[in-house]
Amino acid sequence: MNAPLAGLVVIAVEQAVAAPFCTARLADAGARVIKIERPEGDFARRRQLGALIAGADVLVQNLKPGAMERMALGVEELRRHHPRLICCSINGYGETGLLSARKAYDLLVQAES
C-alpha cells in the first residue's frame, strides 16, 4: 500500500526542534524529505538549494526571520518563481511585532512562558 504522501518532495531548511519534527512526520507519511544544512557553507550550495526548491512540492524552514530573504529565497520571491510551491515557515515569535526578529529555541520559549 502506498503511503499518503508518496511522491511528494519536501525541502527542509531547518535546525533545532520544530521544523525537524514536522518534516520527520512528513517523511513518516511517505514524503521524500531533503534536509539542507546551514547556508554559511560553500557558495555553490546556495545555487544547488535553488535548484532543489525548483523541483520540490513543499519547503519547510525554521531559520531566524530574514535568513531566507538574505539568500534571495524569501517566501514572496519563491512564490513569484514557483507558484505551486507550498512554503511553511516556522518561528517562535511570529512574522511581526517586537520579538519577531529573535531566534527561538524550545527551552527558551518554555522558560519565557
C-alpha atoms as a PDB file:
ATOM      1  CA  MET A   1       0.000   0.000   0.000  1.00  0.00           C
ATOM      2  CA  ASN A   2       1.306   3.487  -0.865  1.00  0.00           C
ATOM      3  CA  ALA A   3       1.950   5.979   1.881  1.00  0.00           C
ATOM      4  CA  PRO A   4      -0.336   9.047   1.711  1.00  0.00           C
ATOM      5  CA  LEU A   5       2.484  11.456   0.815  1.00  0.00           C
ATOM      6  CA  ALA A   6       4.415   9.142  -1.523  1.00  0.00           C
ATOM      7  CA  GLY A   7       5.834  11.140  -4.427  1.00  0.00           C
ATOM      8  CA  LEU A   8       5.821  14.448  -2.539  1.00  0.00           C
ATOM      9  CA  VAL A   9       9.210  16.212  -2.343  1.00  0.00           C
ATOM     10  CA  VAL A  10       9.909  18.394   0.701  1.00  0.00           C
ATOM     11  CA  ILE A  11      12.949  20.647   1.063  1.00  0.00           C
ATOM     12  CA  ALA A  12      13.830  21.176   4.730  1.00  0.00           C
ATOM     13  CA  VAL A  13      15.977  24.174   5.670  1.00  0.00           C
ATOM     14  CA  GLU A  14      15.849  23.591   9.377  1.00  0.00           C
ATOM     15  CA  GLN A  15      17.552  23.284  12.717  1.00  0.00           C
ATOM     16  CA  ALA A  16      16.645  22.577  16.334  1.00  0.00           C
ATOM     17  CA  VAL A  17      13.272  21.017  17.115  1.00  0.00           C
ATOM     18  CA  ALA A  18      10.100  22.364  15.484  1.00  0.00           C
ATOM     19  CA  ALA A  19      10.801  22.030  11.759  1.00  0.00           C
ATOM     20  CA  PRO A  20      12.769  18.749  12.037  1.00  0.00           C
ATOM     21  CA  PHE A  21       9.862  17.252  13.977  1.00  0.00           C
ATOM     22  CA  CYS A  22       7.457  18.471  11.285  1.00  0.00           C
ATOM     23  CA  THR A  23       9.477  17.081   8.391  1.00  0.00           C
ATOM     24  CA  ALA A  24      10.075  13.784  10.185  1.00  0.00           C
ATOM     25  CA  ARG A  25       6.308  13.324  10.312  1.00  0.00           C
ATOM     26  CA  LEU A  26       6.065  14.146   6.588  1.00  0.00           C
ATOM     27  CA  ALA A  27       8.759  11.526   5.893  1.00  0.00           C
ATOM     28  CA  ASP A  28       6.886   9.015   8.051  1.00  0.00           C
ATOM     29  CA  ALA A  29       3.878   9.601   5.777  1.00  0.00           C
ATOM     30  CA  GLY A  30       5.972   8.805   2.695  1.00  0.00           C
ATOM     31  CA  ALA A  31       7.312  12.180   1.534  1.00  0.00           C
ATOM     32  CA  ARG A  32      10.883  12.421   0.269  1.00  0.00           C
ATOM     33  CA  VAL A  33      12.486  14.953   2.616  1.00  0.00           C
ATOM     34  CA  ILE A  34      15.765  16.599   1.584  1.00  0.00           C
ATOM     35  CA  LYS A  35      17.408  18.322   4.542  1.00  0.00           C
ATOM     36  CA  ILE A  36      19.658  21.293   3.775  1.00  0.00           C
ATOM     37  CA  GLU A  37      22.359  22.154   6.288  1.00  0.00           C
ATOM     38  CA  ARG A  38      23.447  25.655   7.352  1.00  0.00           C
ATOM     39  CA  PRO A  39      23.687  28.092   4.416  1.00  0.00           C
ATOM     40  CA  GLU A  40      27.004  29.664   5.508  1.00  0.00           C
ATOM     41  CA  GLY A  41      28.951  26.987   3.679  1.00  0.00           C
ATOM     42  CA  ASP A  42      30.120  26.863   0.070  1.00  0.00           C
ATOM     43  CA  PHE A  43      28.509  29.464  -2.195  1.00  0.00           C
ATOM     44  CA  ALA A  44      27.680  26.693  -4.692  1.00  0.00           C
ATOM     45  CA  ARG A  45      25.408  25.133  -2.068  1.00  0.00           C
ATOM     46  CA  ARG A  46      23.010  28.109  -2.395  1.00  0.00           C
ATOM     47  CA  ARG A  47      22.668  27.555  -6.156  1.00  0.00           C
ATOM     48  CA  GLN A  48      22.011  23.880  -5.507  1.00  0.00           C
ATOM     49  CA  LEU A  49      19.368  24.798  -2.946  1.00  0.00           C
ATOM     50  CA  GLY A  50      17.594  26.920  -5.572  1.00  0.00           C
ATOM     51  CA  ALA A  51      17.625  24.005  -7.999  1.00  0.00           C
ATOM     52  CA  LEU A  52      16.277  21.627  -5.357  1.00  0.00           C
ATOM     53  CA  ILE A  53      13.496  24.055  -4.458  1.00  0.00           C
ATOM     54  CA  ALA A  54      12.561  24.367  -8.149  1.00  0.00           C
ATOM     55  CA  GLY A  55      11.781  20.631  -8.211  1.00  0.00           C
ATOM     56  CA  ALA A  56      10.081  20.469  -4.820  1.00  0.00           C
ATOM     57  CA  ASP A  57       6.452  20.454  -3.753  1.00  0.00           C
ATOM     58  CA  VAL A  58       6.971  21.806  -0.225  1.00  0.00           C
ATOM     59  CA  LEU A  59       9.578  23.954   1.536  1.00  0.00           C
ATOM     60  CA  VAL A  60       9.746  23.884   5.336  1.00  0.00           C
ATOM     61  CA  GLN A  61      12.151  26.254   7.074  1.00  0.00           C
ATOM     62  CA  ASN A  62      12.721  27.497  10.604  1.00  0.00           C
ATOM     63  CA  LEU A  63      15.741  29.749  10.252  1.00  0.00           C
ATOM     64  CA  LYS A  64      15.945  33.097  12.026  1.00  0.00           C
ATOM     65  CA  PRO A  65      13.469  35.562  10.472  1.00  0.00           C
ATOM     66  CA  GLY A  66      15.054  37.204   7.425  1.00  0.00           C
ATOM     67  CA  ALA A  67      17.638  34.462   6.779  1.00  0.00           C
ATOM     68  CA  MET A  68      15.874  33.066   3.703  1.00  0.00           C
ATOM     69  CA  GLU A  69      15.369  36.594   2.316  1.00  0.00           C
ATOM     70  CA  ARG A  70      19.107  37.273   2.658  1.00  0.00           C
ATOM     71  CA  MET A  71      19.702  34.258   0.397  1.00  0.00           C
ATOM     72  CA  ALA A  72      17.127  35.603  -2.125  1.00  0.00           C
ATOM     73  CA  LEU A  73      14.824  32.718  -1.105  1.00  0.00           C
ATOM     74  CA  GLY A  74      12.138  34.607   0.784  1.00  0.00           C
ATOM     75  CA  VAL A  75       8.524  33.474   0.507  1.00  0.00           C
ATOM     76  CA  GLU A  76       7.492  36.308  -1.840  1.00  0.00           C
ATOM     77  CA  GLU A  77      10.440  35.608  -4.156  1.00  0.00           C
ATOM     78  CA  LEU A  78       9.710  31.871  -4.133  1.00  0.00           C
ATOM     79  CA  ARG A  79       6.011  32.437  -4.874  1.00  0.00           C
ATOM     80  CA  ARG A  80       6.923  34.544  -7.926  1.00  0.00           C
ATOM     81  CA  HIS A  81       9.180  31.845  -9.359  1.00  0.00           C
ATOM     82  CA  HIS A  82       7.406  28.707  -8.080  1.00  0.00           C
ATOM     83  CA  PRO A  83       3.674  29.412  -7.680  1.00  0.00           C
ATOM     84  CA  ARG A  84       2.801  25.782  -6.884  1.00  0.00           C
ATOM     85  CA  LEU A  85       5.391  25.501  -4.077  1.00  0.00           C
ATOM     86  CA  ILE A  86       3.908  25.229  -0.598  1.00  0.00           C
ATOM     87  CA  CYS A  87       6.028  27.283   1.827  1.00  0.00           C
ATOM     88  CA  CYS A  88       5.963  26.673   5.568  1.00  0.00           C
ATOM     89  CA  SER A  89       7.955  28.996   7.821  1.00  0.00           C
ATOM     90  CA  ILE A  90       8.092  28.069  11.499  1.00  0.00           C
ATOM     91  CA  ASN A  91       9.187  30.629  14.071  1.00  0.00           C
ATOM     92  CA  GLY A  92       8.743  31.218  17.741  1.00  0.00           C
ATOM     93  CA  TYR A  93       7.612  34.833  17.836  1.00  0.00           C
ATOM     94  CA  GLY A  94       5.653  35.442  14.639  1.00  0.00           C
ATOM     95  CA  GLU A  95       6.369  37.445  11.488  1.00  0.00           C
ATOM     96  CA  THR A  96       5.714  40.885  13.002  1.00  0.00           C
ATOM     97  CA  GLY A  97       5.911  42.514  16.407  1.00  0.00           C
ATOM     98  CA  LEU A  98       8.535  43.409  18.974  1.00  0.00           C
ATOM     99  CA  LEU A  99      10.038  39.926  19.289  1.00  0.00           C
ATOM    100  CA  SER A 100       9.722  38.804  15.645  1.00  0.00           C
ATOM    101  CA  ALA A 101      13.460  39.157  14.860  1.00  0.00           C
ATOM    102  CA  ARG A 102      14.531  36.957  17.771  1.00  0.00           C
ATOM    103  CA  LYS A 103      15.706  33.395  17.440  1.00  0.00           C
ATOM    104  CA  ALA A 104      13.509  30.962  19.318  1.00  0.00           C
ATOM    105  CA  TYR A 105      14.518  27.680  20.900  1.00  0.00           C
ATOM    106  CA  ASP A 106      12.136  25.284  22.595  1.00  0.00           C
ATOM    107  CA  LEU A 107      13.730  25.574  26.048  1.00  0.00           C
ATOM    108  CA  LEU A 108      13.908  29.357  25.778  1.00  0.00           C
ATOM    109  CA  VAL A 109      10.233  29.663  24.876  1.00  0.00           C
ATOM    110  CA  GLN A 110       9.324  27.259  27.689  1.00  0.00           C
ATOM    111  CA  ALA A 111      11.297  29.358  30.167  1.00  0.00           C
ATOM    112  CA  GLU A 112       9.664  32.568  28.954  1.00  0.00           C
ATOM    113  CA  SER A 113       6.175  31.137  29.210  1.00  0.00           C
END
